[in-house]
């Protein structure tokens, strides 16, 4: 029981600190949770031989903050 309270108070402390340092961090954490959940389901579907390397590659390919680069001809 005490351990659960310690974890809860630690989480509250972290959330409050993040709210001061970077107010939009709470909303970003929800986006991060979505990406992590999607990656976990994908790992379970593919069952790669080396899940850590596979996850790293998957995160690079599926980064929601990855800049979209288009050809100059398309932009005109």
N, C-alpha and C. Protein backbone atom coordinates (compact mmCIF):
# COMPACT_ATOMS: atom_id res chain seq x y z
N UNK A 1 0.83 -1.19 0.00
CA UNK A 1 0.00 0.00 0.00
C UNK A 1 0.87 1.25 0.00
N UNK A 2 1.91 1.25 0.84
CA UNK A 2 2.79 2.41 0.92
C UNK A 2 3.49 2.65 -0.42
N UNK A 3 3.86 1.55 -1.09
CA UNK A 3 4.52 1.67 -2.39
C UNK A 3 3.60 2.34 -3.41
N UNK A 4 2.34 1.99 -3.38
CA UNK A 4 1.37 2.58 -4.30
C UNK A 4 1.24 4.08 -4.03
N UNK A 5 1.22 4.47 -2.76
CA UNK A 5 1.13 5.88 -2.41
C UNK A 5 2.40 6.62 -2.86
N UNK A 6 3.55 5.99 -2.71
CA UNK A 6 4.81 6.60 -3.15
C UNK A 6 4.79 6.83 -4.65
N UNK A 7 4.32 5.85 -5.40
CA UNK A 7 4.25 5.98 -6.85
C UNK A 7 3.27 7.08 -7.25
N UNK A 8 2.16 7.14 -6.55
CA UNK A 8 1.15 8.15 -6.85
C UNK A 8 1.69 9.54 -6.56
N UNK A 9 2.33 9.72 -5.42
CA UNK A 9 2.87 11.03 -5.08
C UNK A 9 4.02 11.40 -6.01
N UNK A 10 4.80 10.42 -6.43
CA UNK A 10 5.88 10.69 -7.38
C UNK A 10 5.31 11.16 -8.72
N UNK A 11 4.26 10.50 -9.16
CA UNK A 11 3.63 10.89 -10.43
C UNK A 11 3.06 12.31 -10.34
N UNK A 12 2.42 12.62 -9.24
CA UNK A 12 1.87 13.96 -9.05
C UNK A 12 2.98 15.00 -9.06
N UNK A 13 4.09 14.69 -8.39
CA UNK A 13 5.23 15.59 -8.35
C UNK A 13 5.77 15.84 -9.76
N UNK A 14 5.92 14.77 -10.51
CA UNK A 14 6.44 14.89 -11.88
C UNK A 14 5.49 15.71 -12.74
N UNK A 15 4.20 15.45 -12.64
CA UNK A 15 3.22 16.19 -13.44
C UNK A 15 3.22 17.67 -13.08
N UNK A 16 3.32 17.99 -11.80
CA UNK A 16 3.35 19.40 -11.39
C UNK A 16 4.62 20.08 -11.86
N UNK A 17 5.74 19.38 -11.75
CA UNK A 17 7.01 19.95 -12.20
C UNK A 17 6.97 20.19 -13.71
N UNK A 18 6.47 19.22 -14.45
CA UNK A 18 6.35 19.39 -15.90
C UNK A 18 5.41 20.54 -16.26
N UNK A 19 4.34 20.70 -15.50
CA UNK A 19 3.39 21.77 -15.77
C UNK A 19 4.05 23.14 -15.62
N UNK A 20 5.00 23.24 -14.70
CA UNK A 20 5.72 24.50 -14.51
C UNK A 20 6.75 24.70 -15.61
N UNK A 21 7.53 23.66 -15.87
CA UNK A 21 8.62 23.76 -16.85
C UNK A 21 8.08 23.84 -18.27
N UNK A 22 7.16 22.96 -18.59
CA UNK A 22 6.63 22.89 -19.96
C UNK A 22 5.14 22.60 -19.88
N UNK A 23 4.31 23.63 -19.88
CA UNK A 23 2.87 23.45 -19.66
C UNK A 23 2.17 22.49 -20.63
N UNK A 24 2.63 22.39 -21.85
CA UNK A 24 1.96 21.50 -22.81
C UNK A 24 2.44 20.06 -22.72
N UNK A 25 3.30 19.75 -21.76
CA UNK A 25 3.85 18.40 -21.63
C UNK A 25 2.78 17.36 -21.32
N UNK A 26 1.76 17.74 -20.57
CA UNK A 26 0.70 16.79 -20.22
C UNK A 26 -0.03 16.34 -21.48
N UNK A 27 -0.34 17.27 -22.37
CA UNK A 27 -1.02 16.92 -23.62
C UNK A 27 -0.12 16.08 -24.51
N UNK A 28 1.17 16.39 -24.51
CA UNK A 28 2.11 15.62 -25.31
C UNK A 28 2.24 14.20 -24.78
N UNK A 29 2.11 14.03 -23.47
CA UNK A 29 2.23 12.68 -22.91
C UNK A 29 1.10 11.79 -23.42
N UNK A 30 -0.07 12.36 -23.66
CA UNK A 30 -1.17 11.57 -24.21
C UNK A 30 -0.84 11.10 -25.63
N UNK A 31 -0.21 11.96 -26.42
CA UNK A 31 0.20 11.58 -27.77
C UNK A 31 1.26 10.49 -27.71
N UNK A 32 2.18 10.64 -26.77
CA UNK A 32 3.25 9.65 -26.62
C UNK A 32 2.65 8.30 -26.23
N UNK A 33 1.68 8.31 -25.33
CA UNK A 33 1.03 7.07 -24.92
C UNK A 33 0.38 6.38 -26.12
N UNK A 34 -0.25 7.16 -27.00
CA UNK A 34 -0.88 6.58 -28.19
C UNK A 34 0.15 5.90 -29.09
N UNK A 35 1.29 6.56 -29.29
CA UNK A 35 2.34 5.99 -30.14
C UNK A 35 2.90 4.72 -29.51
N UNK A 36 3.12 4.76 -28.21
CA UNK A 36 3.67 3.58 -27.52
C UNK A 36 2.70 2.42 -27.59
N UNK A 37 1.42 2.67 -27.36
CA UNK A 37 0.43 1.59 -27.45
C UNK A 37 0.37 1.00 -28.85
N UNK A 38 0.39 1.86 -29.85
CA UNK A 38 0.36 1.38 -31.24
C UNK A 38 1.59 0.53 -31.53
N UNK A 39 2.75 0.99 -31.04
CA UNK A 39 3.99 0.23 -31.29
C UNK A 39 3.96 -1.11 -30.59
N UNK A 40 3.41 -1.15 -29.38
CA UNK A 40 3.34 -2.42 -28.65
C UNK A 40 2.44 -3.42 -29.38
N UNK A 41 1.30 -2.97 -29.88
CA UNK A 41 0.42 -3.87 -30.62
C UNK A 41 1.09 -4.36 -31.89
N UNK A 42 1.83 -3.47 -32.54
CA UNK A 42 2.52 -3.86 -33.78
C UNK A 42 3.61 -4.88 -33.49
N UNK A 43 4.32 -4.70 -32.39
CA UNK A 43 5.35 -5.68 -32.00
C UNK A 43 4.71 -7.04 -31.75
N UNK A 44 3.58 -7.05 -31.08
CA UNK A 44 2.89 -8.32 -30.81
C UNK A 44 2.44 -9.00 -32.10
N UNK A 45 2.06 -8.21 -33.09
CA UNK A 45 1.64 -8.78 -34.36
C UNK A 45 2.82 -9.36 -35.15
N UNK A 46 3.94 -8.64 -35.17
CA UNK A 46 5.09 -9.05 -35.98
C UNK A 46 6.00 -10.04 -35.28
N UNK A 47 6.05 -10.00 -33.96
CA UNK A 47 6.92 -10.87 -33.16
C UNK A 47 8.35 -10.92 -33.72
N UNK A 48 9.02 -9.76 -33.75
CA UNK A 48 10.37 -9.72 -34.32
C UNK A 48 11.38 -10.48 -33.46
N UNK A 49 12.46 -10.89 -34.11
CA UNK A 49 13.52 -11.64 -33.42
C UNK A 49 14.22 -10.76 -32.38
N UNK A 50 14.45 -9.49 -32.72
CA UNK A 50 15.08 -8.55 -31.79
C UNK A 50 14.13 -7.36 -31.60
N UNK A 51 13.25 -7.43 -30.60
CA UNK A 51 12.21 -6.41 -30.45
C UNK A 51 12.74 -5.00 -30.18
N UNK A 52 13.86 -4.87 -29.50
CA UNK A 52 14.39 -3.54 -29.20
C UNK A 52 14.82 -2.82 -30.47
N UNK A 53 15.54 -3.51 -31.33
CA UNK A 53 15.98 -2.92 -32.59
C UNK A 53 14.78 -2.65 -33.48
N UNK A 54 13.86 -3.60 -33.52
CA UNK A 54 12.66 -3.44 -34.34
C UNK A 54 11.87 -2.22 -33.87
N UNK A 55 11.71 -2.05 -32.55
CA UNK A 55 10.97 -0.91 -32.01
C UNK A 55 11.67 0.39 -32.36
N UNK A 56 12.97 0.44 -32.25
CA UNK A 56 13.71 1.66 -32.60
C UNK A 56 13.46 2.03 -34.06
N UNK A 57 13.54 1.07 -34.95
CA UNK A 57 13.27 1.33 -36.37
C UNK A 57 11.83 1.77 -36.59
N UNK A 58 10.91 1.11 -35.92
CA UNK A 58 9.49 1.44 -36.07
C UNK A 58 9.23 2.87 -35.60
N UNK A 59 9.83 3.27 -34.47
CA UNK A 59 9.62 4.62 -33.95
C UNK A 59 10.19 5.67 -34.91
N UNK A 60 11.31 5.39 -35.53
CA UNK A 60 11.87 6.33 -36.50
C UNK A 60 10.93 6.47 -37.69
N UNK A 61 10.41 5.36 -38.18
CA UNK A 61 9.53 5.39 -39.35
C UNK A 61 8.16 6.00 -39.04
N UNK A 62 7.69 5.86 -37.81
CA UNK A 62 6.33 6.29 -37.45
C UNK A 62 6.32 7.48 -36.51
N UNK A 63 7.36 8.28 -36.53
CA UNK A 63 7.46 9.45 -35.68
C UNK A 63 6.42 10.48 -36.10
N UNK A 64 5.46 10.82 -35.23
CA UNK A 64 4.43 11.79 -35.61
C UNK A 64 4.99 13.21 -35.76
N UNK A 65 6.16 13.48 -35.22
CA UNK A 65 6.77 14.80 -35.32
C UNK A 65 7.77 14.90 -36.46
N UNK A 66 7.84 13.86 -37.25
CA UNK A 66 8.78 13.83 -38.37
C UNK A 66 8.36 14.89 -39.39
N UNK A 67 9.29 15.75 -39.80
CA UNK A 67 8.92 16.79 -40.76
C UNK A 67 8.54 16.19 -42.11
N UNK A 68 7.55 16.77 -42.72
CA UNK A 68 7.10 16.32 -44.03
C UNK A 68 7.90 17.07 -45.09
N UNK A 69 8.66 16.35 -45.88
CA UNK A 69 9.48 16.95 -46.91
C UNK A 69 8.85 16.65 -48.26
N UNK A 70 8.64 17.69 -49.04
CA UNK A 70 8.05 17.49 -50.36
C UNK A 70 9.00 18.03 -51.43
N UNK A 71 8.80 17.59 -52.64
CA UNK A 71 9.61 18.06 -53.76
C UNK A 71 9.27 19.51 -54.06
N UNK A 72 10.25 20.23 -54.60
CA UNK A 72 10.04 21.63 -54.96
C UNK A 72 8.94 21.74 -56.02
N UNK A 73 8.90 20.81 -56.93
CA UNK A 73 7.89 20.83 -57.99
C UNK A 73 6.48 20.68 -57.43
N UNK A 74 6.34 19.87 -56.38
CA UNK A 74 5.02 19.68 -55.77
C UNK A 74 4.57 20.93 -55.05
N UNK A 75 5.50 21.68 -54.44
CA UNK A 75 5.16 22.86 -53.67
C UNK A 75 4.68 24.00 -54.56
N UNK A 76 5.11 24.02 -55.81
CA UNK A 76 4.74 25.12 -56.72
C UNK A 76 3.42 24.94 -57.36
